[in-house]
N, C-alpha and C. Protein backbone atom coordinates (compact mmCIF):
# COMPACT_ATOMS: atom_id res chain seq x y z
N UNK A 1 99.76 101.67 95.20
CA UNK A 1 99.13 100.46 95.69
C UNK A 1 98.05 100.06 94.70
N UNK A 2 98.02 98.77 94.36
CA UNK A 2 97.07 98.28 93.38
C UNK A 2 95.72 97.96 93.98
N UNK A 3 95.14 96.87 93.51
CA UNK A 3 93.81 96.48 93.97
C UNK A 3 93.84 95.37 95.00
N UNK A 4 95.02 94.88 95.35
CA UNK A 4 95.17 93.88 96.41
C UNK A 4 96.32 94.26 97.32
N UNK A 5 96.19 93.88 98.58
CA UNK A 5 97.23 94.16 99.57
C UNK A 5 97.34 92.96 100.50
N UNK A 6 98.57 92.56 100.77
CA UNK A 6 98.85 91.52 101.74
C UNK A 6 99.47 92.15 102.97
N UNK A 7 99.23 91.55 104.12
CA UNK A 7 99.83 92.02 105.36
C UNK A 7 99.85 90.88 106.36
N UNK A 8 100.38 91.16 107.54
CA UNK A 8 100.42 90.15 108.60
C UNK A 8 99.79 90.72 109.86
N UNK A 9 99.00 89.90 110.52
CA UNK A 9 98.50 90.21 111.86
C UNK A 9 99.32 89.37 112.82
N UNK A 10 99.74 89.99 113.92
CA UNK A 10 100.61 89.28 114.85
C UNK A 10 100.19 89.57 116.28
N UNK A 11 100.23 88.52 117.11
CA UNK A 11 100.03 88.67 118.54
C UNK A 11 100.92 87.66 119.24
N UNK A 12 100.70 87.45 120.53
CA UNK A 12 101.55 86.53 121.29
C UNK A 12 101.51 85.11 120.76
N UNK A 13 100.37 84.71 120.20
CA UNK A 13 100.22 83.32 119.77
C UNK A 13 100.84 83.04 118.41
N UNK A 14 101.11 84.08 117.62
CA UNK A 14 101.72 83.86 116.32
C UNK A 14 101.35 84.92 115.31
N UNK A 15 101.55 84.57 114.05
CA UNK A 15 101.35 85.51 112.96
C UNK A 15 100.52 84.83 111.88
N UNK A 16 99.61 85.60 111.24
CA UNK A 16 98.81 85.08 110.14
C UNK A 16 98.74 86.15 109.06
N UNK A 17 98.74 85.69 107.82
CA UNK A 17 98.69 86.61 106.69
C UNK A 17 97.24 87.02 106.43
N UNK A 18 97.06 88.28 106.01
CA UNK A 18 95.74 88.77 105.62
C UNK A 18 95.82 89.28 104.18
N UNK A 19 94.73 89.13 103.45
CA UNK A 19 94.66 89.48 102.04
C UNK A 19 93.46 90.39 101.83
N UNK A 20 93.74 91.65 101.48
CA UNK A 20 92.69 92.63 101.21
C UNK A 20 92.55 92.77 99.70
N UNK A 21 91.32 92.72 99.20
CA UNK A 21 91.05 92.93 97.78
C UNK A 21 89.95 93.98 97.68
N UNK A 22 90.14 94.95 96.79
CA UNK A 22 89.20 96.06 96.69
C UNK A 22 87.78 95.57 96.39
N UNK A 23 87.64 94.50 95.60
CA UNK A 23 86.31 93.97 95.28
C UNK A 23 85.62 93.38 96.50
N UNK A 24 86.39 92.85 97.44
CA UNK A 24 85.81 92.20 98.63
C UNK A 24 85.43 93.20 99.72
N UNK A 25 86.28 94.21 99.95
CA UNK A 25 86.01 95.14 101.06
C UNK A 25 85.33 96.42 100.60
N UNK A 26 85.35 96.71 99.30
CA UNK A 26 84.73 97.92 98.79
C UNK A 26 85.74 99.05 98.67
N UNK A 27 85.51 99.98 97.74
CA UNK A 27 86.47 101.06 97.49
C UNK A 27 86.70 101.98 98.69
N UNK A 28 85.64 102.29 99.45
CA UNK A 28 85.81 103.20 100.59
C UNK A 28 86.67 102.56 101.67
N UNK A 29 86.38 101.30 102.00
CA UNK A 29 87.16 100.59 103.01
C UNK A 29 88.59 100.35 102.54
N UNK A 30 88.78 100.14 101.23
CA UNK A 30 90.13 99.90 100.72
C UNK A 30 90.99 101.15 100.87
N UNK A 31 90.38 102.32 100.82
CA UNK A 31 91.13 103.56 101.06
C UNK A 31 91.66 103.58 102.50
N UNK A 32 90.90 103.02 103.44
CA UNK A 32 91.35 102.92 104.84
C UNK A 32 92.53 101.95 104.93
N UNK A 33 92.48 100.85 104.16
CA UNK A 33 93.59 99.89 104.16
C UNK A 33 94.88 100.59 103.76
N UNK A 34 94.83 101.48 102.81
CA UNK A 34 96.02 102.21 102.35
C UNK A 34 96.63 103.06 103.46
N UNK A 35 95.84 103.43 104.46
CA UNK A 35 96.31 104.30 105.54
C UNK A 35 96.80 103.52 106.76
N UNK A 36 96.72 102.19 106.74
CA UNK A 36 97.16 101.39 107.88
C UNK A 36 98.67 101.48 108.05
N UNK A 37 99.11 101.53 109.32
CA UNK A 37 100.53 101.60 109.66
C UNK A 37 100.89 100.44 110.57
N UNK A 38 102.19 100.18 110.67
CA UNK A 38 102.69 99.18 111.60
C UNK A 38 102.30 99.58 113.01
N UNK A 39 101.68 98.68 113.74
CA UNK A 39 101.25 98.96 115.11
C UNK A 39 99.77 99.26 115.22
N UNK A 40 99.07 99.49 114.10
CA UNK A 40 97.62 99.67 114.15
C UNK A 40 96.98 98.34 114.56
N UNK A 41 95.90 98.43 115.30
CA UNK A 41 95.18 97.22 115.73
C UNK A 41 93.89 97.15 114.93
N UNK A 42 93.71 96.04 114.21
CA UNK A 42 92.51 95.86 113.39
C UNK A 42 91.87 94.52 113.70
N UNK A 43 90.58 94.43 113.43
CA UNK A 43 89.86 93.17 113.49
C UNK A 43 89.44 92.81 112.08
N UNK A 44 89.56 91.54 111.69
CA UNK A 44 89.21 91.12 110.34
C UNK A 44 88.24 89.94 110.39
N UNK A 45 87.43 89.83 109.34
CA UNK A 45 86.52 88.71 109.16
C UNK A 45 86.63 88.23 107.73
N UNK A 46 86.58 86.91 107.56
CA UNK A 46 86.62 86.34 106.22
C UNK A 46 87.08 84.90 106.25
N UNK A 47 86.94 84.22 105.12
CA UNK A 47 87.33 82.81 105.06
C UNK A 47 88.84 82.63 105.00
N UNK A 48 89.29 81.47 105.46
CA UNK A 48 90.70 81.11 105.40
C UNK A 48 90.98 80.36 104.10
N UNK A 49 92.18 80.54 103.58
CA UNK A 49 92.63 79.75 102.44
C UNK A 49 94.14 79.62 102.51
N UNK A 50 94.69 78.73 101.71
CA UNK A 50 96.15 78.56 101.64
C UNK A 50 96.65 79.16 100.33
N UNK A 51 97.74 79.92 100.42
CA UNK A 51 98.36 80.47 99.22
C UNK A 51 99.12 79.37 98.49
N UNK A 52 99.67 79.71 97.33
CA UNK A 52 100.45 78.73 96.56
C UNK A 52 101.67 78.26 97.34
N UNK A 53 102.18 79.11 98.23
CA UNK A 53 103.34 78.73 99.05
C UNK A 53 102.93 77.97 100.30
N UNK A 54 101.62 77.79 100.52
CA UNK A 54 101.13 77.02 101.66
C UNK A 54 100.85 77.82 102.91
N UNK A 55 100.96 79.15 102.82
CA UNK A 55 100.71 79.99 104.00
C UNK A 55 99.21 80.18 104.22
N UNK A 56 98.77 79.99 105.46
CA UNK A 56 97.36 80.20 105.81
C UNK A 56 97.08 81.70 105.79
N UNK A 57 96.00 82.07 105.10
CA UNK A 57 95.69 83.48 104.87
C UNK A 57 94.20 83.72 105.08
N UNK A 58 93.87 84.90 105.61
CA UNK A 58 92.48 85.33 105.75
C UNK A 58 92.14 86.19 104.54
N UNK A 59 91.11 85.81 103.78
CA UNK A 59 90.62 86.64 102.68
C UNK A 59 89.62 87.61 103.32
N UNK A 60 90.05 88.84 103.54
CA UNK A 60 89.27 89.80 104.33
C UNK A 60 88.03 90.24 103.56
N UNK A 61 86.87 90.07 104.20
CA UNK A 61 85.60 90.57 103.66
C UNK A 61 85.14 91.80 104.43
N UNK A 62 85.44 91.82 105.73
CA UNK A 62 85.12 92.97 106.58
C UNK A 62 86.28 93.18 107.54
N UNK A 63 86.57 94.44 107.83
CA UNK A 63 87.57 94.73 108.85
C UNK A 63 87.19 96.00 109.58
N UNK A 64 87.71 96.12 110.79
CA UNK A 64 87.45 97.27 111.64
C UNK A 64 88.78 97.77 112.18
N UNK A 65 88.99 99.07 112.08
CA UNK A 65 90.16 99.69 112.70
C UNK A 65 89.83 99.88 114.17
N UNK A 66 90.47 99.10 115.03
CA UNK A 66 90.17 99.14 116.47
C UNK A 66 90.93 100.26 117.17
N UNK A 67 92.18 100.46 116.80
CA UNK A 67 92.95 101.58 117.36
C UNK A 67 94.08 101.93 116.41
N UNK A 68 94.35 103.21 116.27
CA UNK A 68 95.39 103.73 115.39
C UNK A 68 96.66 103.93 116.20
N UNK A 69 97.79 103.49 115.66
CA UNK A 69 99.08 103.69 116.30
C UNK A 69 99.53 105.13 116.09
N UNK A 70 99.75 105.86 117.19
CA UNK A 70 100.18 107.24 117.06
C UNK A 70 101.67 107.35 116.78
N UNK A 71 102.44 106.38 117.29
CA UNK A 71 103.88 106.32 117.04
C UNK A 71 104.21 104.92 116.56
N UNK A 72 105.16 104.79 115.64
CA UNK A 72 105.51 103.44 115.19
C UNK A 72 106.21 102.65 116.29
N UNK A 73 105.93 101.36 116.35
CA UNK A 73 106.58 100.50 117.34
C UNK A 73 108.02 100.23 116.92
N UNK A 74 108.93 100.09 117.87
CA UNK A 74 110.34 99.83 117.53
C UNK A 74 110.56 98.35 117.22
N UNK A 75 109.87 97.86 116.21
CA UNK A 75 109.99 96.46 115.83
C UNK A 75 111.13 96.28 114.84
N UNK A 76 111.81 95.17 114.96
CA UNK A 76 112.90 94.88 114.04
C UNK A 76 112.42 94.06 112.87
N UNK A 77 113.36 93.69 112.04
CA UNK A 77 113.08 92.84 110.89
C UNK A 77 113.31 91.39 111.28
N UNK A 78 112.59 90.50 110.63
CA UNK A 78 112.72 89.07 110.90
C UNK A 78 113.45 88.42 109.74
N UNK A 79 114.50 87.63 110.05
CA UNK A 79 115.25 86.96 108.99
C UNK A 79 114.61 85.60 108.66
N UNK A 80 115.25 84.86 107.76
CA UNK A 80 114.70 83.59 107.28
C UNK A 80 114.56 82.55 108.40
N UNK A 81 115.44 82.63 109.43
CA UNK A 81 115.36 81.68 110.54
C UNK A 81 114.35 82.09 111.60
N UNK A 82 113.71 83.25 111.43
CA UNK A 82 112.72 83.71 112.40
C UNK A 82 113.29 84.56 113.52
N UNK A 83 114.60 84.90 113.45
CA UNK A 83 115.21 85.75 114.46
C UNK A 83 114.97 87.22 114.11
N UNK A 84 114.70 88.03 115.14
CA UNK A 84 114.47 89.46 114.93
C UNK A 84 115.75 90.24 115.16
N UNK A 85 115.94 91.29 114.36
CA UNK A 85 117.11 92.15 114.47
C UNK A 85 116.66 93.60 114.49
N UNK A 86 117.33 94.42 115.30
CA UNK A 86 117.06 95.85 115.31
C UNK A 86 115.89 96.28 116.16
N UNK A 87 115.38 95.40 117.01
CA UNK A 87 114.26 95.80 117.86
C UNK A 87 114.79 96.47 119.12
N UNK A 88 113.91 96.90 119.96
CA UNK A 88 114.23 97.60 121.20
C UNK A 88 115.09 96.70 122.09
N UNK A 89 116.40 97.02 122.21
CA UNK A 89 117.29 96.14 122.97
C UNK A 89 118.08 96.87 124.06
N UNK A 90 118.12 98.20 124.05
CA UNK A 90 118.84 98.96 125.06
C UNK A 90 118.11 98.83 126.40
N UNK A 91 118.76 98.26 127.45
CA UNK A 91 118.07 98.05 128.73
C UNK A 91 117.56 99.34 129.37
N UNK A 92 118.32 100.42 129.25
CA UNK A 92 117.89 101.69 129.83
C UNK A 92 116.65 102.23 129.12
N UNK A 93 116.65 102.15 127.80
CA UNK A 93 115.50 102.61 127.02
C UNK A 93 114.28 101.73 127.30
N UNK A 94 114.50 100.42 127.47
CA UNK A 94 113.40 99.51 127.80
C UNK A 94 112.79 99.86 129.15
N UNK A 95 113.60 100.31 130.10
CA UNK A 95 113.09 100.68 131.43
C UNK A 95 112.33 102.01 131.36
N UNK A 96 112.84 102.97 130.59
CA UNK A 96 112.19 104.28 130.50
C UNK A 96 110.91 104.24 129.68
N UNK A 97 110.90 103.45 128.64
CA UNK A 97 109.72 103.34 127.77
C UNK A 97 109.10 101.96 127.94
N UNK A 98 108.59 101.72 129.12
CA UNK A 98 108.06 100.40 129.48
C UNK A 98 106.90 99.99 128.57
N UNK A 99 106.09 100.94 128.15
CA UNK A 99 104.97 100.64 127.26
C UNK A 99 105.47 100.05 125.94
N UNK A 100 106.57 100.59 125.41
CA UNK A 100 107.12 100.08 124.16
C UNK A 100 107.73 98.69 124.37
N UNK A 101 108.42 98.51 125.51
CA UNK A 101 109.02 97.22 125.82
C UNK A 101 107.94 96.14 125.91
N UNK A 102 106.83 96.43 126.58
CA UNK A 102 105.75 95.46 126.71
C UNK A 102 105.10 95.15 125.37
N UNK A 103 104.99 96.15 124.51
CA UNK A 103 104.38 95.93 123.20
C UNK A 103 105.26 95.08 122.30
N UNK A 104 106.58 95.27 122.40
CA UNK A 104 107.51 94.56 121.52
C UNK A 104 107.85 93.18 122.05
N UNK A 105 108.02 93.04 123.36
CA UNK A 105 108.48 91.78 123.95
C UNK A 105 107.39 91.02 124.69
N UNK A 106 106.14 91.29 124.41
CA UNK A 106 105.04 90.60 125.11
C UNK A 106 104.92 89.17 124.68
C-alpha cells in the first residue's frame, strides 16, 4: 500500500468515496487505515471534492474507528449496472443468521 488509499463508505442512503492520504491523517493513523476491513464502521471528517471522473469524495483529515468487524460481511460484488451478485441469498441461512441478513439487506 502506498501513500494514498481510496475506499467507499456505504449505508442505507447510498455510497460515498473516501480518500486517505498519509500527509493528511499522519503516519500513525495511516497505519490504522491499512488494517481496515470490509464491515468496519468508521467516522470521517474532511472537505468534499470531485475526482476527475466526477465522483464526490471526502478528503479525510480525521477519522475514528467506531467498531471493528470481527467477521467479514457476506457482501457480493456490484456490477456496472449497480446489481449485486454473490451476496447472502439462501433463505434458510438468512433466517438462521438474521444479524447478517439485516446488515446486508438493510
